[in-house]
PDB file of all heavy atoms in Angstrom:
ATOM      1  N   VAL A   1      39.952  21.286  28.936  1.00  0.00           N
ATOM      2  CA  VAL A   1      38.829  21.065  28.024  1.00  0.00           C
ATOM      3  C   VAL A   1      37.697  20.328  28.736  1.00  0.00           C
ATOM      4  O   VAL A   1      36.525  20.649  28.567  1.00  0.00           O
ATOM      5  CB  VAL A   1      39.285  20.304  26.772  1.00  0.00           C
ATOM      6  CG1 VAL A   1      38.087  19.904  25.916  1.00  0.00           C
ATOM      7  CG2 VAL A   1      40.241  21.153  25.946  1.00  0.00           C
ATOM      8  N   GLY A   2      38.051  19.339  29.556  1.00  0.00           N
ATOM      9  CA  GLY A   2      37.034  18.613  30.308  1.00  0.00           C
ATOM     10  C   GLY A   2      36.254  19.515  31.253  1.00  0.00           C
ATOM     11  O   GLY A   2      35.031  19.404  31.379  1.00  0.00           O
ATOM     12  N   THR A   3      36.953  20.410  31.920  1.00  0.00           N
ATOM     13  CA  THR A   3      36.298  21.348  32.836  1.00  0.00           C
ATOM     14  C   THR A   3      35.377  22.299  32.085  1.00  0.00           C
ATOM     15  O   THR A   3      34.251  22.568  32.521  1.00  0.00           O
ATOM     16  CB  THR A   3      37.350  22.141  33.625  1.00  0.00           C
ATOM     17  OG1 THR A   3      38.180  21.244  34.361  1.00  0.00           O
ATOM     18  CG2 THR A   3      36.690  23.116  34.587  1.00  0.00           C
ATOM     19  N   ILE A   4      35.844  22.805  30.952  1.00  0.00           N
ATOM     20  CA  ILE A   4      35.013  23.689  30.132  1.00  0.00           C
ATOM     21  C   ILE A   4      33.740  22.973  29.699  1.00  0.00           C
ATOM     22  O   ILE A   4      32.631  23.519  29.760  1.00  0.00           O
ATOM     23  CB  ILE A   4      35.794  24.190  28.903  1.00  0.00           C
ATOM     24  CG1 ILE A   4      36.932  25.119  29.334  1.00  0.00           C
ATOM     25  CG2 ILE A   4      34.866  24.922  27.931  1.00  0.00           C
ATOM     26  CD1 ILE A   4      37.873  25.495  28.208  1.00  0.00           C
ATOM     27  N   GLN A   5      33.876  21.718  29.262  1.00  0.00           N
ATOM     28  CA  GLN A   5      32.722  20.947  28.822  1.00  0.00           C
ATOM     29  C   GLN A   5      31.709  20.767  29.947  1.00  0.00           C
ATOM     30  O   GLN A   5      30.509  20.951  29.752  1.00  0.00           O
ATOM     31  CB  GLN A   5      33.165  19.590  28.282  1.00  0.00           C
ATOM     32  CG  GLN A   5      32.002  18.736  27.771  1.00  0.00           C
ATOM     33  CD  GLN A   5      32.459  17.418  27.207  1.00  0.00           C
ATOM     34  OE1 GLN A   5      33.622  17.064  27.271  1.00  0.00           O
ATOM     35  NE2 GLN A   5      31.555  16.666  26.612  1.00  0.00           N
ATOM     36  N   ASN A   6      32.192  20.409  31.127  1.00  0.00           N
ATOM     37  CA  ASN A   6      31.282  20.199  32.263  1.00  0.00           C
ATOM     38  C   ASN A   6      30.543  21.484  32.629  1.00  0.00           C
ATOM     39  O   ASN A   6      29.328  21.460  32.883  1.00  0.00           O
ATOM     40  CB  ASN A   6      32.059  19.676  33.470  1.00  0.00           C
ATOM     41  CG  ASN A   6      32.570  18.259  33.276  1.00  0.00           C
ATOM     42  OD1 ASN A   6      32.035  17.497  32.480  1.00  0.00           O
ATOM     43  ND2 ASN A   6      33.623  17.894  34.012  1.00  0.00           N
ATOM     44  N   GLU A   7      31.272  22.591  32.673  1.00  0.00           N
ATOM     45  CA  GLU A   7      30.652  23.860  33.035  1.00  0.00           C
ATOM     46  C   GLU A   7      29.665  24.321  31.969  1.00  0.00           C
ATOM     47  O   GLU A   7      28.598  24.848  32.287  1.00  0.00           O
ATOM     48  CB  GLU A   7      31.728  24.924  33.249  1.00  0.00           C
ATOM     49  CG  GLU A   7      32.589  24.700  34.485  1.00  0.00           C
ATOM     50  CD  GLU A   7      31.791  24.767  35.764  1.00  0.00           C
ATOM     51  OE1 GLU A   7      30.912  25.651  35.868  1.00  0.00           O
ATOM     52  OE2 GLU A   7      32.024  23.942  36.654  1.00  0.00           O
ATOM     53  N   ALA A   8      30.019  24.107  30.715  1.00  0.00           N
ATOM     54  CA  ALA A   8      29.125  24.498  29.619  1.00  0.00           C
ATOM     55  C   ALA A   8      27.831  23.701  29.659  1.00  0.00           C
ATOM     56  O   ALA A   8      26.729  24.263  29.538  1.00  0.00           O
ATOM     57  CB  ALA A   8      29.828  24.319  28.281  1.00  0.00           C
ATOM     58  N   GLU A   9      27.939  22.383  29.813  1.00  0.00           N
ATOM     59  CA  GLU A   9      26.752  21.545  29.849  1.00  0.00           C
ATOM     60  C   GLU A   9      25.845  21.901  31.015  1.00  0.00           C
ATOM     61  O   GLU A   9      24.620  21.871  30.891  1.00  0.00           O
ATOM     62  CB  GLU A   9      27.156  20.073  29.923  1.00  0.00           C
ATOM     63  CG  GLU A   9      27.734  19.532  28.625  1.00  0.00           C
ATOM     64  CD  GLU A   9      28.085  18.061  28.725  1.00  0.00           C
ATOM     65  OE1 GLU A   9      27.996  17.507  29.836  1.00  0.00           O
ATOM     66  OE2 GLU A   9      28.452  17.474  27.676  1.00  0.00           O
ATOM     67  N   ALA A  10      26.438  22.228  32.141  1.00  0.00           N
ATOM     68  CA  ALA A  10      25.644  22.599  33.313  1.00  0.00           C
ATOM     69  C   ALA A  10      24.815  23.849  33.071  1.00  0.00           C
ATOM     70  O   ALA A  10      23.792  24.062  33.719  1.00  0.00           O
ATOM     71  CB  ALA A  10      26.565  22.795  34.515  1.00  0.00           C
ATOM     72  N   LYS A  11      25.246  24.675  32.129  1.00  0.00           N
ATOM     73  CA  LYS A  11      24.543  25.919  31.820  1.00  0.00           C
ATOM     74  C   LYS A  11      23.791  25.847  30.493  1.00  0.00           C
ATOM     75  O   LYS A  11      23.353  26.866  29.965  1.00  0.00           O
ATOM     76  CB  LYS A  11      25.537  27.082  31.818  1.00  0.00           C
ATOM     77  CG  LYS A  11      26.136  27.367  33.192  1.00  0.00           C
ATOM     78  CD  LYS A  11      27.205  28.435  33.133  1.00  0.00           C
ATOM     79  CE  LYS A  11      27.656  28.833  34.539  1.00  0.00           C
ATOM     80  NZ  LYS A  11      28.180  27.696  35.326  1.00  0.00           N
ATOM     81  N   GLY A  12      23.662  24.623  29.964  1.00  0.00           N
ATOM     82  CA  GLY A  12      22.867  24.446  28.764  1.00  0.00           C
ATOM     83  C   GLY A  12      23.577  24.782  27.468  1.00  0.00           C
ATOM     84  O   GLY A  12      22.925  25.058  26.448  1.00  0.00           O
ATOM     85  N   TYR A  13      24.909  24.752  27.468  1.00  0.00           N
ATOM     86  CA  TYR A  13      25.685  25.029  26.274  1.00  0.00           C
ATOM     87  C   TYR A  13      26.394  23.757  25.791  1.00  0.00           C
ATOM     88  O   TYR A  13      26.508  22.764  26.517  1.00  0.00           O
ATOM     89  CB  TYR A  13      26.719  26.133  26.530  1.00  0.00           C
ATOM     90  CG  TYR A  13      26.139  27.520  26.610  1.00  0.00           C
ATOM     91  CD1 TYR A  13      25.601  27.989  27.803  1.00  0.00           C
ATOM     92  CD2 TYR A  13      26.129  28.359  25.507  1.00  0.00           C
ATOM     93  CE1 TYR A  13      25.058  29.264  27.880  1.00  0.00           C
ATOM     94  CE2 TYR A  13      25.595  29.636  25.576  1.00  0.00           C
ATOM     95  CZ  TYR A  13      25.061  30.071  26.757  1.00  0.00           C
ATOM     96  OH  TYR A  13      24.520  31.334  26.821  1.00  0.00           O
ATOM     97  N   TYR A  14      26.865  23.821  24.555  1.00  0.00           N
ATOM     98  CA  TYR A  14      27.622  22.740  23.954  1.00  0.00           C
ATOM     99  C   TYR A  14      28.977  23.285  23.517  1.00  0.00           C
ATOM    100  O   TYR A  14      29.099  24.460  23.188  1.00  0.00           O
ATOM    101  CB  TYR A  14      26.887  22.160  22.736  1.00  0.00           C
ATOM    102  CG  TYR A  14      25.451  21.822  23.011  1.00  0.00           C
ATOM    103  CD1 TYR A  14      24.441  22.767  22.803  1.00  0.00           C
ATOM    104  CD2 TYR A  14      25.095  20.580  23.481  1.00  0.00           C
ATOM    105  CE1 TYR A  14      23.115  22.474  23.071  1.00  0.00           C
ATOM    106  CE2 TYR A  14      23.765  20.268  23.748  1.00  0.00           C
ATOM    107  CZ  TYR A  14      22.785  21.225  23.547  1.00  0.00           C
ATOM    108  OH  TYR A  14      21.464  20.917  23.810  1.00  0.00           O
ATOM    109  N   ILE A  15      29.981  22.442  23.556  1.00  0.00           N
ATOM    110  CA  ILE A  15      31.288  22.900  23.093  1.00  0.00           C
ATOM    111  C   ILE A  15      31.650  22.206  21.793  1.00  0.00           C
ATOM    112  O   ILE A  15      31.245  21.074  21.526  1.00  0.00           O
ATOM    113  CB  ILE A  15      32.404  22.693  24.138  1.00  0.00           C
ATOM    114  CG1 ILE A  15      32.758  21.218  24.314  1.00  0.00           C
ATOM    115  CG2 ILE A  15      32.053  23.340  25.460  1.00  0.00           C
ATOM    116  CD1 ILE A  15      34.067  21.019  25.066  1.00  0.00           C
ATOM    117  N   MET A  16      32.394  22.923  20.985  1.00  0.00           N
ATOM    118  CA  MET A  16      32.895  22.402  19.721  1.00  0.00           C
ATOM    119  C   MET A  16      34.399  22.627  19.688  1.00  0.00           C
ATOM    120  O   MET A  16      34.857  23.764  19.760  1.00  0.00           O
ATOM    121  CB  MET A  16      32.232  23.104  18.538  1.00  0.00           C
ATOM    122  CG  MET A  16      32.814  22.714  17.179  1.00  0.00           C
ATOM    123  SD  MET A  16      32.070  23.647  15.811  1.00  0.00           S
ATOM    124  CE  MET A  16      30.441  22.901  15.771  1.00  0.00           C
ATOM    125  N   LEU A  17      35.170  21.536  19.606  1.00  0.00           N
ATOM    126  CA  LEU A  17      36.613  21.657  19.499  1.00  0.00           C
ATOM    127  C   LEU A  17      36.993  22.063  18.082  1.00  0.00           C
ATOM    128  O   LEU A  17      36.527  21.466  17.106  1.00  0.00           O
ATOM    129  CB  LEU A  17      37.297  20.340  19.853  1.00  0.00           C
ATOM    130  CG  LEU A  17      37.396  19.984  21.335  1.00  0.00           C
ATOM    131  CD1 LEU A  17      37.996  18.600  21.511  1.00  0.00           C
ATOM    132  CD2 LEU A  17      38.230  21.011  22.086  1.00  0.00           C
ATOM    133  N   ILE A  18      37.842  23.069  17.973  1.00  0.00           N
ATOM    134  CA  ILE A  18      38.268  23.585  16.667  1.00  0.00           C
ATOM    135  C   ILE A  18      39.788  23.653  16.644  1.00  0.00           C
ATOM    136  O   ILE A  18      40.408  24.271  17.518  1.00  0.00           O
ATOM    137  CB  ILE A  18      37.685  24.991  16.405  1.00  0.00           C
ATOM    138  CG1 ILE A  18      36.158  24.985  16.540  1.00  0.00           C
ATOM    139  CG2 ILE A  18      38.102  25.486  15.016  1.00  0.00           C
ATOM    140  CD1 ILE A  18      35.533  26.378  16.463  1.00  0.00           C
ATOM    141  N   GLY A  19      40.382  22.999  15.656  1.00  0.00           N
ATOM    142  CA  GLY A  19      41.820  23.134  15.475  1.00  0.00           C
ATOM    143  C   GLY A  19      42.167  24.550  15.053  1.00  0.00           C
ATOM    144  O   GLY A  19      41.594  25.088  14.100  1.00  0.00           O
ATOM    145  N   GLY A  20      43.091  25.166  15.762  1.00  0.00           N
ATOM    146  CA  GLY A  20      43.313  26.592  15.591  1.00  0.00           C
ATOM    147  C   GLY A  20      44.584  27.020  14.914  1.00  0.00           C
ATOM    148  O   GLY A  20      44.896  28.216  14.879  1.00  0.00           O
ATOM    149  N   GLU A  21      45.361  26.098  14.376  1.00  0.00           N
ATOM    150  CA  GLU A  21      46.612  26.493  13.724  1.00  0.00           C
ATOM    151  C   GLU A  21      46.353  27.396  12.521  1.00  0.00           C
ATOM    152  O   GLU A  21      47.092  28.325  12.246  1.00  0.00           O
ATOM    153  CB  GLU A  21      47.390  25.242  13.289  1.00  0.00           C
ATOM    154  CG  GLU A  21      47.987  24.459  14.436  1.00  0.00           C
ATOM    155  CD  GLU A  21      49.434  24.735  14.660  1.00  0.00           C
ATOM    156  OE1 GLU A  21      49.877  25.738  15.030  1.00  0.00           O
ATOM    157  OE2 GLU A  21      50.151  23.912  14.460  1.00  0.00           O
ATOM    158  N   ASN A  22      45.280  27.093  11.777  1.00  0.00           N
ATOM    159  CA  ASN A  22      44.907  27.874  10.598  1.00  0.00           C
ATOM    160  C   ASN A  22      43.799  28.853  10.975  1.00  0.00           C
ATOM    161  O   ASN A  22      42.685  28.459  11.313  1.00  0.00           O
ATOM    162  CB  ASN A  22      44.455  26.938   9.476  1.00  0.00           C
ATOM    163  CG  ASN A  22      44.194  27.654   8.165  1.00  0.00           C
ATOM    164  OD1 ASN A  22      43.430  28.605   8.104  1.00  0.00           O
ATOM    165  ND2 ASN A  22      44.826  27.183   7.103  1.00  0.00           N
ATOM    166  N   ILE A  23      44.110  30.144  10.920  1.00  0.00           N
ATOM    167  CA  ILE A  23      43.155  31.182  11.314  1.00  0.00           C
ATOM    168  C   ILE A  23      41.879  31.114  10.483  1.00  0.00           C
ATOM    169  O   ILE A  23      40.767  31.186  11.006  1.00  0.00           O
ATOM    170  CB  ILE A  23      43.787  32.587  11.204  1.00  0.00           C
ATOM    171  CG1 ILE A  23      44.953  32.736  12.184  1.00  0.00           C
ATOM    172  CG2 ILE A  23      42.748  33.674  11.435  1.00  0.00           C
ATOM    173  CD1 ILE A  23      44.565  32.828  13.596  1.00  0.00           C
ATOM    174  N   GLN A  24      42.012  30.957   9.172  1.00  0.00           N
ATOM    175  CA  GLN A  24      40.850  30.945   8.291  1.00  0.00           C
ATOM    176  C   GLN A  24      39.943  29.760   8.601  1.00  0.00           C
ATOM    177  O   GLN A  24      38.716  29.862   8.503  1.00  0.00           O
ATOM    178  CB  GLN A  24      41.278  30.910   6.821  1.00  0.00           C
ATOM    179  CG  GLN A  24      40.130  31.170   5.839  1.00  0.00           C
ATOM    180  CD  GLN A  24      39.438  32.493   6.096  1.00  0.00           C
ATOM    181  OE1 GLN A  24      40.092  33.537   6.203  1.00  0.00           O
ATOM    182  NE2 GLN A  24      38.098  32.477   6.189  1.00  0.00           N
ATOM    183  N   HIS A  25      40.517  28.636   8.986  1.00  0.00           N
ATOM    184  CA  HIS A  25      39.725  27.472   9.377  1.00  0.00           C
ATOM    185  C   HIS A  25      38.842  27.804  10.575  1.00  0.00           C
ATOM    186  O   HIS A  25      37.660  27.440  10.604  1.00  0.00           O
ATOM    187  CB  HIS A  25      40.655  26.300   9.698  1.00  0.00           C
ATOM    188  CG  HIS A  25      39.957  25.094  10.260  1.00  0.00           C
ATOM    189  ND1 HIS A  25      39.149  24.276   9.490  1.00  0.00           N
ATOM    190  CD2 HIS A  25      39.942  24.575  11.524  1.00  0.00           C
ATOM    191  CE1 HIS A  25      38.671  23.302  10.251  1.00  0.00           C
ATOM    192  NE2 HIS A  25      39.137  23.462  11.487  1.00  0.00           N
ATOM    193  N   VAL A  26      39.398  28.485  11.561  1.00  0.00           N
ATOM    194  CA  VAL A  26      38.622  28.888  12.741  1.00  0.00           C
ATOM    195  C   VAL A  26      37.484  29.813  12.332  1.00  0.00           C
ATOM    196  O   VAL A  26      36.343  29.652  12.774  1.00  0.00           O
ATOM    197  CB  VAL A  26      39.528  29.572  13.781  1.00  0.00           C
ATOM    198  CG1 VAL A  26      38.701  30.044  14.978  1.00  0.00           C
ATOM    199  CG2 VAL A  26      40.637  28.643  14.231  1.00  0.00           C
ATOM    200  N   VAL A  27      37.789  30.768  11.465  1.00  0.00           N
ATOM    201  CA  VAL A  27      36.771  31.709  10.991  1.00  0.00           C
ATOM    202  C   VAL A  27      35.641  30.967  10.293  1.00  0.00           C
ATOM    203  O   VAL A  27      34.451  31.211  10.547  1.00  0.00           O
ATOM    204  CB  VAL A  27      37.399  32.760  10.053  1.00  0.00           C
ATOM    205  CG1 VAL A  27      36.315  33.629   9.416  1.00  0.00           C
ATOM    206  CG2 VAL A  27      38.407  33.614  10.799  1.00  0.00           C
ATOM    207  N   ASP A  28      35.987  30.046   9.401  1.00  0.00           N
ATOM    208  CA  ASP A  28      34.983  29.315   8.625  1.00  0.00           C
ATOM    209  C   ASP A  28      34.084  28.475   9.528  1.00  0.00           C
ATOM    210  O   ASP A  28      32.852  28.493   9.401  1.00  0.00           O
ATOM    211  CB  ASP A  28      35.663  28.428   7.589  1.00  0.00           C
ATOM    212  CG  ASP A  28      36.354  29.215   6.487  1.00  0.00           C
ATOM    213  OD1 ASP A  28      36.036  30.415   6.329  1.00  0.00           O
ATOM    214  OD2 ASP A  28      37.220  28.636   5.781  1.00  0.00           O
ATOM    215  N   ILE A  29      34.679  27.723  10.444  1.00  0.00           N
ATOM    216  CA  ILE A  29      33.907  26.849  11.332  1.00  0.00           C
ATOM    217  C   ILE A  29      33.023  27.666  12.269  1.00  0.00           C
ATOM    218  O   ILE A  29      31.828  27.373  12.453  1.00  0.00           O
ATOM    219  CB  ILE A  29      34.836  25.933  12.147  1.00  0.00           C
ATOM    220  CG1 ILE A  29      35.575  24.959  11.231  1.00  0.00           C
ATOM    221  CG2 ILE A  29      34.057  25.164  13.207  1.00  0.00           C
ATOM    222  CD1 ILE A  29      34.693  23.969  10.522  1.00  0.00           C
ATOM    223  N   ALA A  30      33.585  28.693  12.869  1.00  0.00           N
ATOM    224  CA  ALA A  30      32.829  29.512  13.815  1.00  0.00           C
ATOM    225  C   ALA A  30      31.664  30.210  13.133  1.00  0.00           C
ATOM    226  O   ALA A  30      30.578  30.334  13.709  1.00  0.00           O
ATOM    227  CB  ALA A  30      33.753  30.529  14.474  1.00  0.00           C
ATOM    228  N   SER A  31      31.854  30.645  11.902  1.00  0.00           N
ATOM    229  CA  SER A  31      30.788  31.312  11.161  1.00  0.00           C
ATOM    230  C   SER A  31      29.724  30.317  10.716  1.00  0.00           C
ATOM    231  O   SER A  31      28.522  30.584  10.834  1.00  0.00           O
ATOM    232  CB  SER A  31      31.372  32.037   9.943  1.00  0.00           C
ATOM    233  OG  SER A  31      32.331  33.001  10.325  1.00  0.00           O
ATOM    234  N   ARG A  32      30.151  29.167  10.204  1.00  0.00           N
ATOM    235  CA  ARG A  32      29.215  28.173   9.690  1.00  0.00           C
ATOM    236  C   ARG A  32      28.280  27.662  10.781  1.00  0.00           C
ATOM    237  O   ARG A  32      27.084  27.466  10.560  1.00  0.00           O
ATOM    238  CB  ARG A  32      29.981  27.008   9.078  1.00  0.00           C
ATOM    239  CG  ARG A  32      29.110  25.957   8.376  1.00  0.00           C
ATOM    240  CD  ARG A  32      29.983  24.847   7.813  1.00  0.00           C
ATOM    241  NE  ARG A  32      31.026  25.380   6.969  1.00  0.00           N
ATOM    242  CZ  ARG A  32      32.255  24.874   6.897  1.00  0.00           C
ATOM    243  NH1 ARG A  32      32.578  23.815   7.629  1.00  0.00           N
ATOM    244  NH2 ARG A  32      33.151  25.400   6.087  1.00  0.00           N
ATOM    245  N   TRP A  33      28.797  27.470  11.961  1.00  0.00           N
ATOM    246  CA  TRP A  33      28.008  26.942  13.059  1.00  0.00           C
ATOM    247  C   TRP A  33      27.476  28.019  13.996  1.00  0.00           C
ATOM    248  O   TRP A  33      26.837  27.700  15.007  1.00  0.00           O
ATOM    249  CB  TRP A  33      28.837  25.936  13.853  1.00  0.00           C
ATOM    250  CG  TRP A  33      29.039  24.657  13.100  1.00  0.00           C
ATOM    251  CD1 TRP A  33      30.054  24.368  12.240  1.00  0.00           C
ATOM    252  CD2 TRP A  33      28.191  23.517  13.120  1.00  0.00           C
ATOM    253  NE1 TRP A  33      29.889  23.120  11.716  1.00  0.00           N
ATOM    254  CE2 TRP A  33      28.758  22.561  12.240  1.00  0.00           C
ATOM    255  CE3 TRP A  33      27.010  23.187  13.789  1.00  0.00           C
ATOM    256  CZ2 TRP A  33      28.181  21.319  12.015  1.00  0.00           C
ATOM    257  CZ3 TRP A  33      26.440  21.956  13.573  1.00  0.00           C
ATOM    258  CH2 TRP A  33      27.017  21.035  12.696  1.00  0.00           C
ATOM    259  N   ASN A  34      27.707  29.258  13.649  1.00  0.00           N
ATOM    260  CA  ASN A  34      27.179  30.375  14.425  1.00  0.00           C
ATOM    261  C   ASN A  34      27.503  30.261  15.914  1.00  0.00           C
ATOM    262  O   ASN A  34      26.639  30.438  16.776  1.00  0.00           O
ATOM    263  CB  ASN A  34      25.663  30.486  14.225  1.00  0.00           C
ATOM    264  CG  ASN A  34      25.093  31.796  14.766  1.00  0.00           C
ATOM    265  OD1 ASN A  34      25.781  32.829  14.767  1.00  0.00           O
ATOM    266  ND2 ASN A  34      23.857  31.762  15.227  1.00  0.00           N
ATOM    267  N   VAL A  35      28.771  29.934  16.241  1.00  0.00           N
ATOM    268  CA  VAL A  35      29.143  29.809  17.646  1.00  0.00           C
ATOM    269  C   VAL A  35      28.943  31.145  18.352  1.00  0.00           C
ATOM    270  O   VAL A  35      29.102  32.211  17.761  1.00  0.00           O
ATOM    271  CB  VAL A  35      30.596  29.326  17.813  1.00  0.00           C
ATOM    272  CG1 VAL A  35      30.807  27.978  17.131  1.00  0.00           C
ATOM    273  CG2 VAL A  35      31.588  30.337  17.284  1.00  0.00           C
ATOM    274  N   GLU A  36      28.570  31.054  19.602  1.00  0.00           N
ATOM    275  CA  GLU A  36      28.281  32.274  20.350  1.00  0.00           C
ATOM    276  C   GLU A  36      29.539  32.951  20.892  1.00  0.00           C
ATOM    277  O   GLU A  36      29.518  34.125  21.233  1.00  0.00           O
ATOM    278  CB  GLU A  36      27.317  31.967  21.486  1.00  0.00           C
ATOM    279  CG  GLU A  36      25.959  31.499  20.994  1.00  0.00           C
ATOM    280  CD  GLU A  36      24.897  31.573  22.053  1.00  0.00           C
ATOM    281  OE1 GLU A  36      25.041  32.350  23.018  1.00  0.00           O
ATOM    282  OE2 GLU A  36      23.900  30.865  21.917  1.00  0.00           O
TER     283      GLU A  36
END
């Protein structure tokens, strides 16, 4: 996760940690925040 964050920031992106046990939760969060 630390490596992903560093690489993302270097390219002008932000990361959002999402708990993934519940599929619908991932869908809701990803849609609400329009993750790329």
